[in-house]
Amino acid sequence: MSPDSPSHRAEDAPPRESAATSSLGAVLAIAALVFVPVTAIEAGPDRFTLVMQWGFLHLVTPFADASTHAYPLWTFFAEQPRSFGSLPKSIQAWPLALGLHAVALASALLGATVGREDRRVTGGVLVLAGIATFWVTLGVAHRFGVGLDAGLFSVLPIGAAGTWAVVGVMYRADVRAIFTPGER
């Protein structure tokens, strides 16, 4: 069967080889994840809080007094009266998620600029970053009573979905190669 024949199916094709190192587009996609909210919370009429990788961003919509206020993650932990170990596990996962995103960005950046990268590591770290980000979202959802006091879709895993989308588009073959020895 020739590749040009109409009966040629995609699953018959050999697995797509990924690039040796990350592209500039992959680096920019990973860097853009810092601007994707982990989740968004309605904090009142015309008021929203975006839980970001780097902290909180409080927004007041234009219908009220249009304003924003940023509260960085390091300030949150510095002003926290409780010890880090006594905080909920989802809050403890927050800096881990940020750190894993930073490691993935550094790995991709090294690949794009110096040519030294194992894309399986970059993709795998992004998968772990997505899991940590999802854990933060679950903690926020629990604290806001999702399914009980709040609607089921009032806290959505925007950041985890964005991270996994980058993995799916940029690193799918590399992550698959982690679990299928000899494919890379």
N, C-alpha and C. Protein backbone atom coordinates (compact mmCIF):
# COMPACT_ATOMS: atom_id res chain seq x y z
N MET A 1 0.86 -1.17 0.00
CA MET A 1 0.00 0.00 0.00
C MET A 1 0.91 1.23 0.00
N SER A 2 0.67 2.13 -0.90
CA SER A 2 1.50 3.32 -0.98
C SER A 2 0.98 4.40 -0.03
N PRO A 3 1.88 5.27 0.44
CA PRO A 3 1.45 6.35 1.34
C PRO A 3 0.46 7.30 0.70
N ASP A 4 0.42 7.33 -0.65
CA ASP A 4 -0.49 8.24 -1.34
C ASP A 4 -1.88 7.65 -1.54
N SER A 5 -2.03 6.34 -1.27
CA SER A 5 -3.33 5.71 -1.51
C SER A 5 -4.34 6.16 -0.46
N PRO A 6 -5.63 6.22 -0.84
CA PRO A 6 -6.65 6.67 0.09
C PRO A 6 -6.82 5.76 1.29
N SER A 7 -6.42 4.49 1.17
CA SER A 7 -6.61 3.57 2.28
C SER A 7 -5.46 3.61 3.28
N HIS A 8 -4.45 4.45 3.05
CA HIS A 8 -3.34 4.60 3.99
C HIS A 8 -3.84 5.27 5.26
N ARG A 9 -3.62 4.62 6.38
CA ARG A 9 -4.10 5.15 7.66
C ARG A 9 -2.96 5.72 8.47
N ALA A 10 -3.27 6.69 9.32
CA ALA A 10 -2.25 7.35 10.14
C ALA A 10 -1.60 6.36 11.10
N GLU A 11 -2.37 5.38 11.64
CA GLU A 11 -1.77 4.45 12.60
C GLU A 11 -0.79 3.49 11.94
N ASP A 12 -0.82 3.37 10.59
CA ASP A 12 0.14 2.54 9.88
C ASP A 12 1.47 3.27 9.68
N ALA A 13 1.47 4.57 9.86
CA ALA A 13 2.68 5.35 9.65
C ALA A 13 3.64 5.11 10.81
N PRO A 14 4.95 5.19 10.55
CA PRO A 14 5.91 5.04 11.65
C PRO A 14 5.75 6.19 12.63
N PRO A 15 6.12 5.97 13.91
CA PRO A 15 5.97 7.05 14.90
C PRO A 15 6.76 8.28 14.48
N ARG A 16 6.17 9.43 14.69
CA ARG A 16 6.81 10.69 14.33
C ARG A 16 7.99 10.94 15.27
N GLU A 17 9.13 11.19 14.70
CA GLU A 17 10.29 11.54 15.51
C GLU A 17 10.18 12.99 15.93
N SER A 18 10.54 13.26 17.16
CA SER A 18 10.50 14.64 17.62
C SER A 18 11.84 15.30 17.29
N ALA A 19 11.85 16.60 17.36
CA ALA A 19 13.08 17.35 17.11
C ALA A 19 14.09 17.01 18.20
N ALA A 20 15.36 17.22 17.91
CA ALA A 20 16.41 16.90 18.88
C ALA A 20 16.34 17.83 20.09
N THR A 21 16.01 19.08 19.87
CA THR A 21 15.91 20.04 20.97
C THR A 21 14.66 20.90 20.77
N SER A 22 14.29 21.59 21.81
CA SER A 22 13.09 22.44 21.76
C SER A 22 13.29 23.62 20.82
N SER A 23 12.21 24.01 20.20
CA SER A 23 12.23 25.17 19.31
C SER A 23 11.99 26.44 20.13
N LEU A 24 12.20 27.56 19.51
CA LEU A 24 11.89 28.83 20.15
C LEU A 24 10.40 28.91 20.47
N GLY A 25 9.57 28.35 19.61
CA GLY A 25 8.12 28.32 19.86
C GLY A 25 7.79 27.55 21.12
N ALA A 26 8.48 26.43 21.36
CA ALA A 26 8.25 25.65 22.58
C ALA A 26 8.68 26.44 23.82
N VAL A 27 9.80 27.13 23.71
CA VAL A 27 10.28 27.96 24.82
C VAL A 27 9.25 29.05 25.14
N LEU A 28 8.74 29.70 24.10
CA LEU A 28 7.75 30.75 24.31
C LEU A 28 6.44 30.20 24.88
N ALA A 29 6.05 29.01 24.43
CA ALA A 29 4.83 28.39 24.95
C ALA A 29 4.97 28.07 26.44
N ILE A 30 6.12 27.55 26.84
CA ILE A 30 6.36 27.26 28.25
C ILE A 30 6.41 28.56 29.05
N ALA A 31 7.10 29.56 28.53
CA ALA A 31 7.18 30.85 29.23
C ALA A 31 5.80 31.50 29.36
N ALA A 32 4.95 31.31 28.38
CA ALA A 32 3.61 31.90 28.42
C ALA A 32 2.75 31.29 29.52
N LEU A 33 3.09 30.09 29.99
CA LEU A 33 2.31 29.44 31.03
C LEU A 33 2.29 30.24 32.34
N VAL A 34 3.28 31.11 32.53
CA VAL A 34 3.30 31.94 33.74
C VAL A 34 2.16 32.96 33.72
N PHE A 35 1.61 33.24 32.53
CA PHE A 35 0.51 34.18 32.40
C PHE A 35 -0.86 33.50 32.36
N VAL A 36 -0.87 32.17 32.38
CA VAL A 36 -2.12 31.41 32.38
C VAL A 36 -2.52 31.18 33.83
N PRO A 37 -3.72 31.56 34.22
CA PRO A 37 -4.12 31.35 35.61
C PRO A 37 -4.20 29.87 35.96
N VAL A 38 -3.76 29.53 37.17
CA VAL A 38 -3.97 28.18 37.67
C VAL A 38 -5.47 27.94 37.72
N THR A 39 -6.19 28.92 38.26
CA THR A 39 -7.64 28.90 38.28
C THR A 39 -8.14 30.32 38.52
N ALA A 40 -9.40 30.55 38.29
CA ALA A 40 -10.03 31.85 38.54
C ALA A 40 -11.15 31.64 39.55
N ILE A 41 -11.27 32.58 40.48
CA ILE A 41 -12.26 32.48 41.54
C ILE A 41 -13.10 33.75 41.53
N GLU A 42 -14.42 33.58 41.54
CA GLU A 42 -15.28 34.75 41.67
C GLU A 42 -15.27 35.17 43.14
N ALA A 43 -14.77 36.37 43.40
CA ALA A 43 -14.62 36.86 44.77
C ALA A 43 -15.74 37.80 45.18
N GLY A 44 -16.76 37.90 44.39
CA GLY A 44 -17.87 38.80 44.67
C GLY A 44 -18.37 39.38 43.38
N PRO A 45 -19.40 40.19 43.45
CA PRO A 45 -19.91 40.81 42.23
C PRO A 45 -18.83 41.68 41.58
N ASP A 46 -18.57 41.42 40.33
CA ASP A 46 -17.59 42.18 39.55
C ASP A 46 -16.16 42.06 40.08
N ARG A 47 -15.88 41.05 40.90
CA ARG A 47 -14.53 40.88 41.46
C ARG A 47 -14.08 39.44 41.23
N PHE A 48 -12.85 39.32 40.75
CA PHE A 48 -12.28 38.00 40.50
C PHE A 48 -10.87 37.95 41.04
N THR A 49 -10.48 36.78 41.48
CA THR A 49 -9.10 36.53 41.87
C THR A 49 -8.56 35.45 40.96
N LEU A 50 -7.47 35.75 40.30
CA LEU A 50 -6.78 34.77 39.48
C LEU A 50 -5.64 34.19 40.30
N VAL A 51 -5.66 32.90 40.51
CA VAL A 51 -4.54 32.23 41.16
C VAL A 51 -3.54 31.94 40.04
N MET A 52 -2.41 32.62 40.09
CA MET A 52 -1.40 32.48 39.04
C MET A 52 -0.25 31.62 39.56
N GLN A 53 0.64 31.20 38.69
CA GLN A 53 1.82 30.45 39.14
C GLN A 53 2.65 31.29 40.11
N TRP A 54 2.69 32.57 39.91
CA TRP A 54 3.56 33.46 40.67
C TRP A 54 2.85 34.16 41.82
N GLY A 55 1.56 33.97 41.99
CA GLY A 55 0.83 34.63 43.09
C GLY A 55 -0.63 34.84 42.74
N PHE A 56 -1.22 35.82 43.39
CA PHE A 56 -2.63 36.16 43.15
C PHE A 56 -2.71 37.44 42.33
N LEU A 57 -3.72 37.52 41.49
CA LEU A 57 -4.01 38.75 40.78
C LEU A 57 -5.49 39.04 41.02
N HIS A 58 -5.75 40.10 41.77
CA HIS A 58 -7.12 40.48 42.11
C HIS A 58 -7.60 41.48 41.07
N LEU A 59 -8.75 41.21 40.46
CA LEU A 59 -9.29 42.06 39.41
C LEU A 59 -10.67 42.55 39.79
N VAL A 60 -10.92 43.78 39.47
CA VAL A 60 -12.26 44.34 39.58
C VAL A 60 -12.66 44.70 38.16
N THR A 61 -13.81 44.20 37.72
CA THR A 61 -14.22 44.40 36.33
C THR A 61 -14.52 45.87 36.06
N PRO A 62 -14.52 46.23 34.79
CA PRO A 62 -14.78 47.62 34.41
C PRO A 62 -16.15 48.14 34.86
N PHE A 63 -17.08 47.26 35.19
CA PHE A 63 -18.41 47.71 35.60
C PHE A 63 -18.38 48.34 36.98
N ALA A 64 -17.36 47.99 37.76
CA ALA A 64 -17.18 48.61 39.07
C ALA A 64 -15.98 49.57 38.93
N ASP A 65 -15.21 49.74 39.96
CA ASP A 65 -13.99 50.53 39.87
C ASP A 65 -12.91 49.63 39.27
N ALA A 66 -12.57 49.86 38.02
CA ALA A 66 -11.60 49.02 37.35
C ALA A 66 -10.25 49.15 38.04
N SER A 67 -9.78 48.03 38.61
CA SER A 67 -8.48 48.05 39.27
C SER A 67 -7.93 46.63 39.34
N THR A 68 -6.64 46.56 39.59
CA THR A 68 -5.97 45.27 39.78
C THR A 68 -5.03 45.39 40.97
N HIS A 69 -4.74 44.27 41.57
CA HIS A 69 -3.78 44.21 42.67
C HIS A 69 -3.08 42.87 42.60
N ALA A 70 -1.76 42.90 42.57
CA ALA A 70 -0.98 41.66 42.51
C ALA A 70 -0.43 41.35 43.90
N TYR A 71 -0.43 40.08 44.25
CA TYR A 71 0.08 39.61 45.54
C TYR A 71 0.99 38.42 45.24
N PRO A 72 2.33 38.65 45.15
CA PRO A 72 3.25 37.59 44.73
C PRO A 72 3.31 36.42 45.70
N LEU A 73 3.65 35.28 45.18
CA LEU A 73 3.74 34.05 45.95
C LEU A 73 4.73 34.18 47.11
N TRP A 74 5.89 34.78 46.87
CA TRP A 74 6.91 34.91 47.93
C TRP A 74 6.41 35.80 49.06
N THR A 75 5.60 36.81 48.75
CA THR A 75 5.01 37.66 49.80
C THR A 75 3.98 36.86 50.60
N PHE A 76 3.20 36.06 49.91
CA PHE A 76 2.21 35.21 50.58
C PHE A 76 2.89 34.32 51.61
N PHE A 77 3.98 33.66 51.22
CA PHE A 77 4.66 32.76 52.16
C PHE A 77 5.43 33.52 53.23
N ALA A 78 5.98 34.69 52.90
CA ALA A 78 6.71 35.48 53.89
C ALA A 78 5.78 36.03 54.96
N GLU A 79 4.56 36.39 54.59
CA GLU A 79 3.61 36.95 55.55
C GLU A 79 2.74 35.88 56.22
N GLN A 80 2.91 34.64 55.84
CA GLN A 80 2.11 33.55 56.38
C GLN A 80 2.50 33.29 57.84
N PRO A 81 1.56 33.38 58.78
CA PRO A 81 1.90 33.16 60.19
C PRO A 81 2.17 31.69 60.51
N ARG A 82 1.66 30.78 59.69
CA ARG A 82 1.85 29.35 59.93
C ARG A 82 3.13 28.87 59.26
N SER A 83 3.71 27.80 59.81
CA SER A 83 4.90 27.22 59.19
C SER A 83 4.50 26.55 57.88
N PHE A 84 5.46 26.44 56.97
CA PHE A 84 5.18 25.86 55.66
C PHE A 84 4.61 24.45 55.80
N GLY A 85 5.16 23.65 56.71
CA GLY A 85 4.72 22.28 56.90
C GLY A 85 3.30 22.14 57.43
N SER A 86 2.79 23.20 58.06
CA SER A 86 1.43 23.13 58.60
C SER A 86 0.37 23.59 57.60
N LEU A 87 0.80 24.10 56.46
CA LEU A 87 -0.14 24.54 55.43
C LEU A 87 -0.74 23.34 54.71
N PRO A 88 -1.92 23.49 54.10
CA PRO A 88 -2.50 22.39 53.33
C PRO A 88 -1.54 21.93 52.23
N LYS A 89 -1.59 20.65 51.91
CA LYS A 89 -0.68 20.09 50.90
C LYS A 89 -0.83 20.78 49.55
N SER A 90 -2.03 21.23 49.22
CA SER A 90 -2.20 21.90 47.93
C SER A 90 -1.47 23.25 47.90
N ILE A 91 -1.40 23.91 49.05
CA ILE A 91 -0.64 25.17 49.12
C ILE A 91 0.86 24.87 49.06
N GLN A 92 1.27 23.77 49.69
CA GLN A 92 2.68 23.38 49.62
C GLN A 92 3.09 23.01 48.20
N ALA A 93 2.15 22.54 47.40
CA ALA A 93 2.45 22.16 46.01
C ALA A 93 2.60 23.37 45.11
N TRP A 94 2.11 24.52 45.54
CA TRP A 94 2.14 25.72 44.70
C TRP A 94 3.55 26.12 44.29
N PRO A 95 4.51 26.29 45.24
CA PRO A 95 5.87 26.63 44.79
C PRO A 95 6.53 25.49 44.03
N LEU A 96 6.13 24.25 44.30
CA LEU A 96 6.64 23.12 43.54
C LEU A 96 6.22 23.24 42.08
N ALA A 97 4.95 23.58 41.85
CA ALA A 97 4.46 23.76 40.48
C ALA A 97 5.24 24.85 39.77
N LEU A 98 5.46 25.96 40.45
CA LEU A 98 6.24 27.06 39.86
C LEU A 98 7.66 26.60 39.56
N GLY A 99 8.27 25.89 40.50
CA GLY A 99 9.63 25.41 40.31
C GLY A 99 9.75 24.43 39.15
N LEU A 100 8.78 23.53 39.02
CA LEU A 100 8.81 22.57 37.91
C LEU A 100 8.64 23.27 36.57
N HIS A 101 7.78 24.29 36.52
CA HIS A 101 7.64 25.07 35.28
C HIS A 101 8.97 25.77 34.96
N ALA A 102 9.65 26.28 35.99
CA ALA A 102 10.93 26.96 35.77
C ALA A 102 11.99 25.98 35.27
N VAL A 103 12.02 24.76 35.81
CA VAL A 103 12.97 23.74 35.35
C VAL A 103 12.69 23.39 33.89
N ALA A 104 11.42 23.21 33.53
CA ALA A 104 11.07 22.90 32.15
C ALA A 104 11.47 24.04 31.21
N LEU A 105 11.24 25.27 31.65
CA LEU A 105 11.62 26.42 30.83
C LEU A 105 13.14 26.48 30.65
N ALA A 106 13.88 26.25 31.73
CA ALA A 106 15.35 26.26 31.63
C ALA A 106 15.84 25.16 30.70
N SER A 107 15.24 23.97 30.79
CA SER A 107 15.63 22.86 29.93
C SER A 107 15.37 23.18 28.46
N ALA A 108 14.17 23.69 28.17
CA ALA A 108 13.83 24.04 26.79
C ALA A 108 14.70 25.18 26.27
N LEU A 109 14.98 26.15 27.13
CA LEU A 109 15.83 27.28 26.74
C LEU A 109 17.24 26.82 26.42
N LEU A 110 17.77 25.90 27.22
CA LEU A 110 19.10 25.35 26.92
C LEU A 110 19.08 24.59 25.60
N GLY A 111 17.99 23.87 25.36
CA GLY A 111 17.89 23.15 24.10
C GLY A 111 17.84 24.08 22.90
N ALA A 112 17.07 25.14 23.03
CA ALA A 112 16.90 26.08 21.90
C ALA A 112 18.14 26.92 21.65
N THR A 113 18.87 27.25 22.72
CA THR A 113 20.01 28.17 22.55
C THR A 113 21.35 27.46 22.44
N VAL A 114 21.55 26.40 23.21
CA VAL A 114 22.85 25.73 23.25
C VAL A 114 22.83 24.39 22.54
N GLY A 115 21.64 23.84 22.35
CA GLY A 115 21.53 22.56 21.68
C GLY A 115 21.72 21.37 22.60
N ARG A 116 21.62 21.58 23.91
CA ARG A 116 21.80 20.50 24.90
C ARG A 116 20.50 20.31 25.66
N GLU A 117 19.75 19.26 25.31
CA GLU A 117 18.48 19.01 25.98
C GLU A 117 18.06 17.58 25.71
N ASP A 118 17.44 16.97 26.70
CA ASP A 118 16.73 15.72 26.50
C ASP A 118 15.25 16.09 26.58
N ARG A 119 14.58 16.11 25.45
CA ARG A 119 13.18 16.56 25.40
C ARG A 119 12.27 15.68 26.24
N ARG A 120 12.68 14.44 26.51
CA ARG A 120 11.88 13.60 27.39
C ARG A 120 11.86 14.18 28.80
N VAL A 121 12.98 14.75 29.22
CA VAL A 121 13.04 15.38 30.54
C VAL A 121 12.15 16.62 30.55
N THR A 122 12.28 17.46 29.54
CA THR A 122 11.46 18.67 29.47
C THR A 122 9.98 18.33 29.49
N GLY A 123 9.56 17.40 28.65
CA GLY A 123 8.16 17.00 28.60
C GLY A 123 7.70 16.34 29.89
N GLY A 124 8.54 15.48 30.46
CA GLY A 124 8.19 14.82 31.72
C GLY A 124 8.05 15.79 32.87
N VAL A 125 8.95 16.77 32.93
CA VAL A 125 8.86 17.79 33.98
C VAL A 125 7.58 18.61 33.81
N LEU A 126 7.21 18.89 32.57
CA LEU A 126 5.96 19.62 32.33
C LEU A 126 4.74 18.80 32.76
N VAL A 127 4.77 17.50 32.55
CA VAL A 127 3.67 16.65 33.02
C VAL A 127 3.56 16.76 34.54
N LEU A 128 4.71 16.67 35.23
CA LEU A 128 4.72 16.80 36.69
C LEU A 128 4.25 18.19 37.13
N ALA A 129 4.65 19.22 36.38
CA ALA A 129 4.21 20.58 36.69
C ALA A 129 2.70 20.69 36.56
N GLY A 130 2.14 20.04 35.55
CA GLY A 130 0.69 20.03 35.37
C GLY A 130 -0.01 19.33 36.52
N ILE A 131 0.57 18.23 37.01
CA ILE A 131 -0.01 17.52 38.14
C ILE A 131 0.02 18.39 39.39
N ALA A 132 1.16 19.05 39.64
CA ALA A 132 1.26 19.93 40.81
C ALA A 132 0.28 21.10 40.70
N THR A 133 0.14 21.65 39.50
CA THR A 133 -0.79 22.75 39.28
C THR A 133 -2.23 22.28 39.49
N PHE A 134 -2.53 21.08 39.02
CA PHE A 134 -3.87 20.51 39.22
C PHE A 134 -4.14 20.30 40.72
N TRP A 135 -3.13 19.90 41.46
CA TRP A 135 -3.28 19.70 42.91
C TRP A 135 -3.63 21.02 43.59
N VAL A 136 -2.99 22.11 43.16
CA VAL A 136 -3.32 23.43 43.71
C VAL A 136 -4.78 23.77 43.41
N THR A 137 -5.22 23.51 42.19
CA THR A 137 -6.61 23.77 41.80
C THR A 137 -7.57 22.96 42.65
N LEU A 138 -7.26 21.69 42.90
CA LEU A 138 -8.12 20.86 43.74
C LEU A 138 -8.22 21.42 45.15
N GLY A 139 -7.11 21.93 45.69
CA GLY A 139 -7.13 22.53 47.01
C GLY A 139 -7.99 23.78 47.06
N VAL A 140 -7.88 24.61 46.03
CA VAL A 140 -8.70 25.81 45.94
C VAL A 140 -10.18 25.41 45.84
N ALA A 141 -10.45 24.42 45.02
CA ALA A 141 -11.84 23.96 44.86
C ALA A 141 -12.40 23.44 46.19
N HIS A 142 -11.58 22.73 46.94
CA HIS A 142 -12.02 22.20 48.24
C HIS A 142 -12.33 23.35 49.21
N ARG A 143 -11.44 24.35 49.24
CA ARG A 143 -11.65 25.47 50.16
C ARG A 143 -12.85 26.34 49.78
N PHE A 144 -13.21 26.33 48.50
CA PHE A 144 -14.36 27.13 48.06
C PHE A 144 -15.64 26.30 47.98
N GLY A 145 -15.58 25.06 48.43
CA GLY A 145 -16.78 24.24 48.51
C GLY A 145 -17.37 23.83 47.19
N VAL A 146 -16.52 23.57 46.20
CA VAL A 146 -17.02 23.16 44.90
C VAL A 146 -17.81 21.86 45.04
N GLY A 147 -18.98 21.86 44.46
CA GLY A 147 -19.87 20.71 44.53
C GLY A 147 -20.81 20.76 45.73
N LEU A 148 -20.46 21.56 46.73
CA LEU A 148 -21.31 21.69 47.91
C LEU A 148 -21.94 23.08 47.93
N ASP A 149 -21.13 24.09 48.26
CA ASP A 149 -21.61 25.47 48.32
C ASP A 149 -21.51 26.17 46.98
N ALA A 150 -20.51 25.82 46.21
CA ALA A 150 -20.28 26.47 44.92
C ALA A 150 -20.61 25.50 43.79
N GLY A 151 -20.83 26.01 42.62
CA GLY A 151 -21.13 25.17 41.46
C GLY A 151 -19.96 24.29 41.09
N LEU A 152 -20.25 23.19 40.45
CA LEU A 152 -19.23 22.21 40.08
C LEU A 152 -18.14 22.83 39.21
N PHE A 153 -18.48 23.78 38.35
CA PHE A 153 -17.51 24.38 37.44
C PHE A 153 -17.06 25.77 37.89
N SER A 154 -17.16 26.06 39.18
CA SER A 154 -16.76 27.39 39.65
C SER A 154 -15.25 27.52 39.80
N VAL A 155 -14.52 26.43 39.91
CA VAL A 155 -13.06 26.44 39.95
C VAL A 155 -12.58 25.44 38.91
N LEU A 156 -11.98 25.94 37.84
CA LEU A 156 -11.55 25.09 36.73
C LEU A 156 -10.02 25.00 36.68
N PRO A 157 -9.47 23.85 36.30
CA PRO A 157 -8.01 23.68 36.23
C PRO A 157 -7.42 24.27 34.95
N ILE A 158 -7.48 25.57 34.82
CA ILE A 158 -7.02 26.25 33.60
C ILE A 158 -5.52 26.04 33.39
N GLY A 159 -4.73 26.24 34.45
CA GLY A 159 -3.27 26.12 34.33
C GLY A 159 -2.82 24.71 34.00
N ALA A 160 -3.42 23.71 34.64
CA ALA A 160 -3.06 22.32 34.36
C ALA A 160 -3.41 21.98 32.92
N ALA A 161 -4.58 22.39 32.47
CA ALA A 161 -4.99 22.12 31.10
C ALA A 161 -4.04 22.79 30.11
N GLY A 162 -3.64 24.03 30.40
CA GLY A 162 -2.70 24.73 29.53
C GLY A 162 -1.34 24.04 29.48
N THR A 163 -0.87 23.60 30.65
CA THR A 163 0.43 22.91 30.71
C THR A 163 0.37 21.60 29.92
N TRP A 164 -0.69 20.84 30.13
CA TRP A 164 -0.81 19.57 29.40
C TRP A 164 -1.05 19.78 27.91
N ALA A 165 -1.65 20.89 27.54
CA ALA A 165 -1.80 21.21 26.11
C ALA A 165 -0.43 21.45 25.47
N VAL A 166 0.46 22.15 26.18
CA VAL A 166 1.82 22.37 25.67
C VAL A 166 2.52 21.02 25.52
N VAL A 167 2.36 20.15 26.50
CA VAL A 167 2.96 18.81 26.40
C VAL A 167 2.40 18.08 25.19
N GLY A 168 1.08 18.11 25.02
CA GLY A 168 0.45 17.40 23.92
C GLY A 168 0.89 17.89 22.55
N VAL A 169 1.07 19.19 22.43
CA VAL A 169 1.43 19.77 21.13
C VAL A 169 2.94 19.69 20.87
N MET A 170 3.73 20.01 21.89
CA MET A 170 5.17 20.16 21.69
C MET A 170 6.00 18.93 22.07
N TYR A 171 5.51 18.12 23.03
CA TYR A 171 6.36 17.07 23.59
C TYR A 171 5.69 15.70 23.64
N ARG A 172 4.60 15.50 22.92
CA ARG A 172 3.85 14.25 22.97
C ARG A 172 4.74 13.04 22.66
N ALA A 173 5.46 13.08 21.56
CA ALA A 173 6.30 11.94 21.17
C ALA A 173 7.41 11.70 22.19
N ASP A 174 7.93 12.75 22.77
CA ASP A 174 9.00 12.62 23.76
C ASP A 174 8.50 11.98 25.04
N VAL A 175 7.32 12.39 25.51
CA VAL A 175 6.75 11.80 26.72
C VAL A 175 6.37 10.35 26.45
N ARG A 176 5.84 10.08 25.28
CA ARG A 176 5.51 8.69 24.92
C ARG A 176 6.77 7.83 24.93
N ALA A 177 7.89 8.39 24.49
CA ALA A 177 9.16 7.65 24.45
C ALA A 177 9.65 7.27 25.84
N ILE A 178 9.22 7.98 26.87
CA ILE A 178 9.59 7.63 28.24
C ILE A 178 9.04 6.25 28.59
N PHE A 179 7.84 5.97 28.10
CA PHE A 179 7.15 4.73 28.46
C PHE A 179 7.30 3.61 27.43
N THR A 180 7.91 3.90 26.30
CA THR A 180 8.14 2.88 25.28
C THR A 180 9.63 2.81 24.97
N PRO A 181 10.37 2.00 25.71
CA PRO A 181 11.82 1.92 25.53
C PRO A 181 12.18 1.54 24.09
N GLY A 182 13.24 2.12 23.62
CA GLY A 182 13.75 1.81 22.29
C GLY A 182 13.10 2.61 21.18
N GLU A 183 12.10 3.44 21.50
CA GLU A 183 11.44 4.21 20.45
C GLU A 183 12.23 5.46 20.09
N ARG A 184 13.06 5.92 20.97
CA ARG A 184 13.82 7.14 20.67
C ARG A 184 15.24 6.82 20.39
